[in-house]
Amino acid sequence: MTRIIAPNRSYTGVSAGVAFLNGEGSTDNPRLVEWFREHGYLVEEPEEKSREEVKPKARSRKKEV
């Protein structure tokens, strides 16, 4: 989810279909992300996790000697 921070940090309500609480909202819609960016909102993109971080590691049942 992309985090959107309103210029008014105390804003609580709905803008462009995104609910904000205390100036913070989130969306995955790229069109809305761009709209907020163009209208002076701070946009924080999520960091992409590598496949290694997302996929749980398989445990080996072999016992090392």
PDB file of N, CA and C in Angstrom:
ATOM      1  N   MET A   1       0.838  -1.185   0.000  1.00  0.00           N
ATOM      2  CA  MET A   1       0.000   0.000   0.000  1.00  0.00           C
ATOM      3  C   MET A   1       0.879   1.243   0.000  1.00  0.00           C
ATOM      4  N   THR A   2       0.471   2.212  -0.749  1.00  0.00           N
ATOM      5  CA  THR A   2       1.170   3.490  -0.778  1.00  0.00           C
ATOM      6  C   THR A   2       0.552   4.395   0.280  1.00  0.00           C
ATOM      7  N   ARG A   3       1.396   4.950   1.104  1.00  0.00           N
ATOM      8  CA  ARG A   3       0.944   5.830   2.180  1.00  0.00           C
ATOM      9  C   ARG A   3       0.833   7.253   1.636  1.00  0.00           C
ATOM     10  N   ILE A   4      -0.293   7.908   1.926  1.00  0.00           N
ATOM     11  CA  ILE A   4      -0.540   9.267   1.484  1.00  0.00           C
ATOM     12  C   ILE A   4      -0.662  10.141   2.733  1.00  0.00           C
ATOM     13  N   ILE A   5       0.077  11.243   2.755  1.00  0.00           N
ATOM     14  CA  ILE A   5       0.024  12.150   3.897  1.00  0.00           C
ATOM     15  C   ILE A   5      -0.491  13.497   3.405  1.00  0.00           C
ATOM     16  N   ALA A   6      -1.594  13.942   4.001  1.00  0.00           N
ATOM     17  CA  ALA A   6      -2.243  15.184   3.600  1.00  0.00           C
ATOM     18  C   ALA A   6      -1.429  16.398   4.039  1.00  0.00           C
ATOM     19  N   PRO A   7      -1.538  17.494   3.279  1.00  0.00           N
ATOM     20  CA  PRO A   7      -0.872  18.733   3.687  1.00  0.00           C
ATOM     21  C   PRO A   7      -1.341  19.191   5.074  1.00  0.00           C
ATOM     22  N   ASN A   8      -2.616  18.949   5.387  1.00  0.00           N
ATOM     23  CA  ASN A   8      -3.159  19.250   6.700  1.00  0.00           C
ATOM     24  C   ASN A   8      -3.042  17.981   7.543  1.00  0.00           C
ATOM     25  N   ARG A   9      -2.050  17.936   8.421  1.00  0.00           N
ATOM     26  CA  ARG A   9      -1.740  16.719   9.190  1.00  0.00           C
ATOM     27  C   ARG A   9      -2.835  16.327  10.172  1.00  0.00           C
ATOM     28  N   SER A  10      -3.826  17.175  10.383  1.00  0.00           N
ATOM     29  CA  SER A  10      -4.912  16.812  11.297  1.00  0.00           C
ATOM     30  C   SER A  10      -6.199  16.468  10.543  1.00  0.00           C
ATOM     31  N   TYR A  11      -6.130  16.397   9.200  1.00  0.00           N
ATOM     32  CA  TYR A  11      -7.314  16.121   8.396  1.00  0.00           C
ATOM     33  C   TYR A  11      -7.824  14.702   8.619  1.00  0.00           C
ATOM     34  N   THR A  12      -9.122  14.605   8.890  1.00  0.00           N
ATOM     35  CA  THR A  12      -9.793  13.314   8.979  1.00  0.00           C
ATOM     36  C   THR A  12     -11.022  13.401   8.093  1.00  0.00           C
ATOM     37  N   GLY A  13     -11.101  12.547   7.105  1.00  0.00           N
ATOM     38  CA  GLY A  13     -12.212  12.558   6.163  1.00  0.00           C
ATOM     39  C   GLY A  13     -11.838  11.751   4.937  1.00  0.00           C
ATOM     40  N   VAL A  14     -12.597  11.967   3.846  1.00  0.00           N
ATOM     41  CA  VAL A  14     -12.361  11.223   2.611  1.00  0.00           C
ATOM     42  C   VAL A  14     -12.024  12.206   1.503  1.00  0.00           C
ATOM     43  N   SER A  15     -10.913  11.962   0.808  1.00  0.00           N
ATOM     44  CA  SER A  15     -10.504  12.757  -0.356  1.00  0.00           C
ATOM     45  C   SER A  15     -10.218  11.812  -1.503  1.00  0.00           C
ATOM     46  N   ALA A  16     -10.807  12.093  -2.655  1.00  0.00           N
ATOM     47  CA  ALA A  16     -10.618  11.279  -3.864  1.00  0.00           C
ATOM     48  C   ALA A  16     -10.861   9.797  -3.593  1.00  0.00           C
ATOM     49  N   GLY A  17     -11.787   9.502  -2.702  1.00  0.00           N
ATOM     50  CA  GLY A  17     -12.128   8.118  -2.400  1.00  0.00           C
ATOM     51  C   GLY A  17     -11.213   7.436  -1.399  1.00  0.00           C
ATOM     52  N   VAL A  18     -10.262   8.164  -0.830  1.00  0.00           N
ATOM     53  CA  VAL A  18      -9.332   7.592   0.148  1.00  0.00           C
ATOM     54  C   VAL A  18      -9.657   8.162   1.523  1.00  0.00           C
ATOM     55  N   ALA A  19      -9.828   7.277   2.490  1.00  0.00           N
ATOM     56  CA  ALA A  19     -10.121   7.698   3.862  1.00  0.00           C
ATOM     57  C   ALA A  19      -8.830   8.135   4.551  1.00  0.00           C
ATOM     58  N   PHE A  20      -8.889   9.292   5.203  1.00  0.00           N
ATOM     59  CA  PHE A  20      -7.749   9.822   5.950  1.00  0.00           C
ATOM     60  C   PHE A  20      -8.101   9.907   7.419  1.00  0.00           C
ATOM     61  N   LEU A  21      -7.137   9.595   8.257  1.00  0.00           N
ATOM     62  CA  LEU A  21      -7.274   9.730   9.704  1.00  0.00           C
ATOM     63  C   LEU A  21      -6.017  10.439  10.189  1.00  0.00           C
ATOM     64  N   ASN A  22      -6.222  11.586  10.811  1.00  0.00           N
ATOM     65  CA  ASN A  22      -5.096  12.400  11.289  1.00  0.00           C
ATOM     66  C   ASN A  22      -4.075  12.663  10.181  1.00  0.00           C
ATOM     67  N   GLY A  23      -4.584  12.956   8.990  1.00  0.00           N
ATOM     68  CA  GLY A  23      -3.717  13.331   7.874  1.00  0.00           C
ATOM     69  C   GLY A  23      -3.088  12.192   7.113  1.00  0.00           C
ATOM     70  N   GLU A  24      -3.404  10.945   7.458  1.00  0.00           N
ATOM     71  CA  GLU A  24      -2.799   9.796   6.771  1.00  0.00           C
ATOM     72  C   GLU A  24      -3.845   8.874   6.159  1.00  0.00           C
ATOM     73  N   GLY A  25      -3.576   8.455   4.928  1.00  0.00           N
ATOM     74  CA  GLY A  25      -4.423   7.499   4.237  1.00  0.00           C
ATOM     75  C   GLY A  25      -3.543   6.579   3.423  1.00  0.00           C
ATOM     76  N   SER A  26      -4.154   5.620   2.722  1.00  0.00           N
ATOM     77  CA  SER A  26      -3.360   4.726   1.878  1.00  0.00           C
ATOM     78  C   SER A  26      -4.212   4.200   0.732  1.00  0.00           C
ATOM     79  N   THR A  27      -3.520   3.888  -0.374  1.00  0.00           N
ATOM     80  CA  THR A  27      -4.179   3.336  -1.551  1.00  0.00           C
ATOM     81  C   THR A  27      -3.167   2.570  -2.391  1.00  0.00           C
ATOM     82  N   ASP A  28      -3.666   1.652  -3.208  1.00  0.00           N
ATOM     83  CA  ASP A  28      -2.841   0.936  -4.182  1.00  0.00           C
ATOM     84  C   ASP A  28      -3.171   1.376  -5.602  1.00  0.00           C
ATOM     85  N   ASN A  29      -4.117   2.296  -5.743  1.00  0.00           N
ATOM     86  CA  ASN A  29      -4.544   2.755  -7.056  1.00  0.00           C
ATOM     87  C   ASN A  29      -3.522   3.746  -7.623  1.00  0.00           C
ATOM     88  N   PRO A  30      -2.816   3.381  -8.716  1.00  0.00           N
ATOM     89  CA  PRO A  30      -1.772   4.259  -9.265  1.00  0.00           C
ATOM     90  C   PRO A  30      -2.304   5.613  -9.736  1.00  0.00           C
ATOM     91  N   ARG A  31      -3.528   5.654 -10.227  1.00  0.00           N
ATOM     92  CA  ARG A  31      -4.108   6.931 -10.666  1.00  0.00           C
ATOM     93  C   ARG A  31      -4.308   7.862  -9.473  1.00  0.00           C
ATOM     94  N   LEU A  32      -4.796   7.315  -8.373  1.00  0.00           N
ATOM     95  CA  LEU A  32      -4.987   8.138  -7.183  1.00  0.00           C
ATOM     96  C   LEU A  32      -3.658   8.582  -6.592  1.00  0.00           C
ATOM     97  N   VAL A  33      -2.678   7.698  -6.607  1.00  0.00           N
ATOM     98  CA  VAL A  33      -1.353   8.049  -6.099  1.00  0.00           C
ATOM     99  C   VAL A  33      -0.831   9.254  -6.879  1.00  0.00           C
ATOM    100  N   GLU A  34      -0.950   9.228  -8.196  1.00  0.00           N
ATOM    101  CA  GLU A  34      -0.485  10.339  -9.022  1.00  0.00           C
ATOM    102  C   GLU A  34      -1.306  11.598  -8.754  1.00  0.00           C
ATOM    103  N   TRP A  35      -2.616  11.452  -8.580  1.00  0.00           N
ATOM    104  CA  TRP A  35      -3.480  12.602  -8.290  1.00  0.00           C
ATOM    105  C   TRP A  35      -3.043  13.272  -6.986  1.00  0.00           C
ATOM    106  N   PHE A  36      -2.814  12.491  -5.954  1.00  0.00           N
ATOM    107  CA  PHE A  36      -2.375  13.064  -4.675  1.00  0.00           C
ATOM    108  C   PHE A  36      -1.019  13.748  -4.820  1.00  0.00           C
ATOM    109  N   ARG A  37      -0.124  13.133  -5.546  1.00  0.00           N
ATOM    110  CA  ARG A  37       1.200  13.715  -5.770  1.00  0.00           C
ATOM    111  C   ARG A  37       1.068  15.103  -6.440  1.00  0.00           C
ATOM    112  N   GLU A  38       0.210  15.176  -7.471  1.00  0.00           N
ATOM    113  CA  GLU A  38      -0.002  16.430  -8.211  1.00  0.00           C
ATOM    114  C   GLU A  38      -0.680  17.506  -7.364  1.00  0.00           C
ATOM    115  N   HIS A  39      -1.367  17.099  -6.307  1.00  0.00           N
ATOM    116  CA  HIS A  39      -2.100  18.052  -5.473  1.00  0.00           C
ATOM    117  C   HIS A  39      -1.417  18.351  -4.138  1.00  0.00           C
ATOM    118  N   GLY A  40      -0.135  18.076  -4.062  1.00  0.00           N
ATOM    119  CA  GLY A  40       0.647  18.509  -2.915  1.00  0.00           C
ATOM    120  C   GLY A  40       0.661  17.587  -1.711  1.00  0.00           C
ATOM    121  N   TYR A  41       0.188  16.355  -1.876  1.00  0.00           N
ATOM    122  CA  TYR A  41       0.242  15.382  -0.788  1.00  0.00           C
ATOM    123  C   TYR A  41       1.603  14.710  -0.801  1.00  0.00           C
ATOM    124  N   LEU A  42       2.076  14.295   0.349  1.00  0.00           N
ATOM    125  CA  LEU A  42       3.308  13.518   0.444  1.00  0.00           C
ATOM    126  C   LEU A  42       2.959  12.067   0.153  1.00  0.00           C
ATOM    127  N   VAL A  43       3.684  11.449  -0.759  1.00  0.00           N
ATOM    128  CA  VAL A  43       3.419  10.064  -1.162  1.00  0.00           C
ATOM    129  C   VAL A  43       4.620   9.217  -0.779  1.00  0.00           C
ATOM    130  N   GLU A  44       4.378   8.198   0.027  1.00  0.00           N
ATOM    131  CA  GLU A  44       5.445   7.279   0.442  1.00  0.00           C
ATOM    132  C   GLU A  44       5.180   5.911  -0.164  1.00  0.00           C
ATOM    133  N   GLU A  45       6.002   5.557  -1.145  1.00  0.00           N
ATOM    134  CA  GLU A  45       5.867   4.260  -1.818  1.00  0.00           C
ATOM    135  C   GLU A  45       6.427   3.169  -0.910  1.00  0.00           C
ATOM    136  N   PRO A  46       5.788   1.999  -0.890  1.00  0.00           N
ATOM    137  CA  PRO A  46       6.323   0.901  -0.080  1.00  0.00           C
ATOM    138  C   PRO A  46       7.601   0.352  -0.691  1.00  0.00           C
ATOM    139  N   GLU A  47       8.477  -0.163   0.159  1.00  0.00           N
ATOM    140  CA  GLU A  47       9.688  -0.807  -0.335  1.00  0.00           C
ATOM    141  C   GLU A  47       9.323  -2.192  -0.837  1.00  0.00           C
ATOM    142  N   GLU A  48       9.888  -2.562  -1.966  1.00  0.00           N
ATOM    143  CA  GLU A  48       9.616  -3.888  -2.511  1.00  0.00           C
ATOM    144  C   GLU A  48      10.475  -4.907  -1.790  1.00  0.00           C
ATOM    145  N   LYS A  49       9.859  -5.988  -1.369  1.00  0.00           N
ATOM    146  CA  LYS A  49      10.599  -7.051  -0.702  1.00  0.00           C
ATOM    147  C   LYS A  49      11.082  -8.045  -1.738  1.00  0.00           C
ATOM    148  N   SER A  50      12.270  -8.543  -1.533  1.00  0.00           N
ATOM    149  CA  SER A  50      12.795  -9.544  -2.446  1.00  0.00           C
ATOM    150  C   SER A  50      12.060 -10.856  -2.216  1.00  0.00           C
ATOM    151  N   ARG A  51      12.151 -11.763  -3.165  1.00  0.00           N
ATOM    152  CA  ARG A  51      11.473 -13.060  -3.045  1.00  0.00           C
ATOM    153  C   ARG A  51      11.988 -13.835  -1.838  1.00  0.00           C
ATOM    154  N   GLU A  52      13.254 -13.644  -1.490  1.00  0.00           N
ATOM    155  CA  GLU A  52      13.834 -14.348  -0.348  1.00  0.00           C
ATOM    156  C   GLU A  52      13.159 -13.919   0.955  1.00  0.00           C
ATOM    157  N   GLU A  53      12.840 -12.625   1.078  1.00  0.00           N
ATOM    158  CA  GLU A  53      12.218 -12.129   2.299  1.00  0.00           C
ATOM    159  C   GLU A  53      10.775 -12.593   2.412  1.00  0.00           C
ATOM    160  N   VAL A  54      10.084 -12.681   1.284  1.00  0.00           N
ATOM    161  CA  VAL A  54       8.672 -13.034   1.288  1.00  0.00           C
ATOM    162  C   VAL A  54       8.476 -14.534   1.484  1.00  0.00           C
ATOM    163  N   LYS A  55       9.309 -15.333   0.811  1.00  0.00           N
ATOM    164  CA  LYS A  55       9.178 -16.791   0.851  1.00  0.00           C
ATOM    165  C   LYS A  55       9.809 -17.335   2.132  1.00  0.00           C
ATOM    166  N   PRO A  56       9.046 -18.100   2.913  1.00  0.00           N
ATOM    167  CA  PRO A  56       9.646 -18.679   4.122  1.00  0.00           C
ATOM    168  C   PRO A  56      10.727 -19.687   3.762  1.00  0.00           C
ATOM    169  N   LYS A  57      11.765 -19.706   4.552  1.00  0.00           N
ATOM    170  CA  LYS A  57      12.868 -20.623   4.286  1.00  0.00           C
ATOM    171  C   LYS A  57      12.502 -22.042   4.712  1.00  0.00           C
ATOM    172  N   ALA A  58      12.866 -22.989   3.861  1.00  0.00           N
ATOM    173  CA  ALA A  58      12.600 -24.396   4.172  1.00  0.00           C
ATOM    174  C   ALA A  58      13.641 -24.869   5.189  1.00  0.00           C
ATOM    175  N   ARG A  59      13.172 -25.612   6.142  1.00  0.00           N
ATOM    176  CA  ARG A  59      14.093 -26.149   7.164  1.00  0.00           C
ATOM    177  C   ARG A  59      14.557 -27.533   6.765  1.00  0.00           C
ATOM    178  N   SER A  60      15.812 -27.760   6.970  1.00  0.00           N
ATOM    179  CA  SER A  60      16.372 -29.060   6.647  1.00  0.00           C
ATOM    180  C   SER A  60      16.208 -29.973   7.858  1.00  0.00           C
ATOM    181  N   ARG A  61      15.832 -31.208   7.607  1.00  0.00           N
ATOM    182  CA  ARG A  61      15.679 -32.161   8.707  1.00  0.00           C
ATOM    183  C   ARG A  61      16.986 -32.898   8.986  1.00  0.00           C
ATOM    184  N   LYS A  62      17.989 -32.694   8.108  1.00  0.00           N
ATOM    185  CA  LYS A  62      19.264 -33.354   8.312  1.00  0.00           C
ATOM    186  C   LYS A  62      19.988 -32.680   9.478  1.00  0.00           C
ATOM    187  N   LYS A  63      20.566 -33.484  10.282  1.00  0.00           N
ATOM    188  CA  LYS A  63      21.317 -32.978  11.421  1.00  0.00           C
ATOM    189  C   LYS A  63      22.782 -32.907  11.053  1.00  0.00           C
ATOM    190  N   GLU A  64      23.364 -31.709  11.251  1.00  0.00           N
ATOM    191  CA  GLU A  64      24.776 -31.551  10.917  1.00  0.00           C
ATOM    192  C   GLU A  64      25.630 -32.179  11.995  1.00  0.00           C
ATOM    193  N   VAL A  65      26.738 -32.828  11.569  1.00  0.00           N
ATOM    194  CA  VAL A  65      27.628 -33.497  12.510  1.00  0.00           C
ATOM    195  C   VAL A  65      28.935 -32.770  12.589  1.00  0.00           C
TER     196      VAL A  65
END
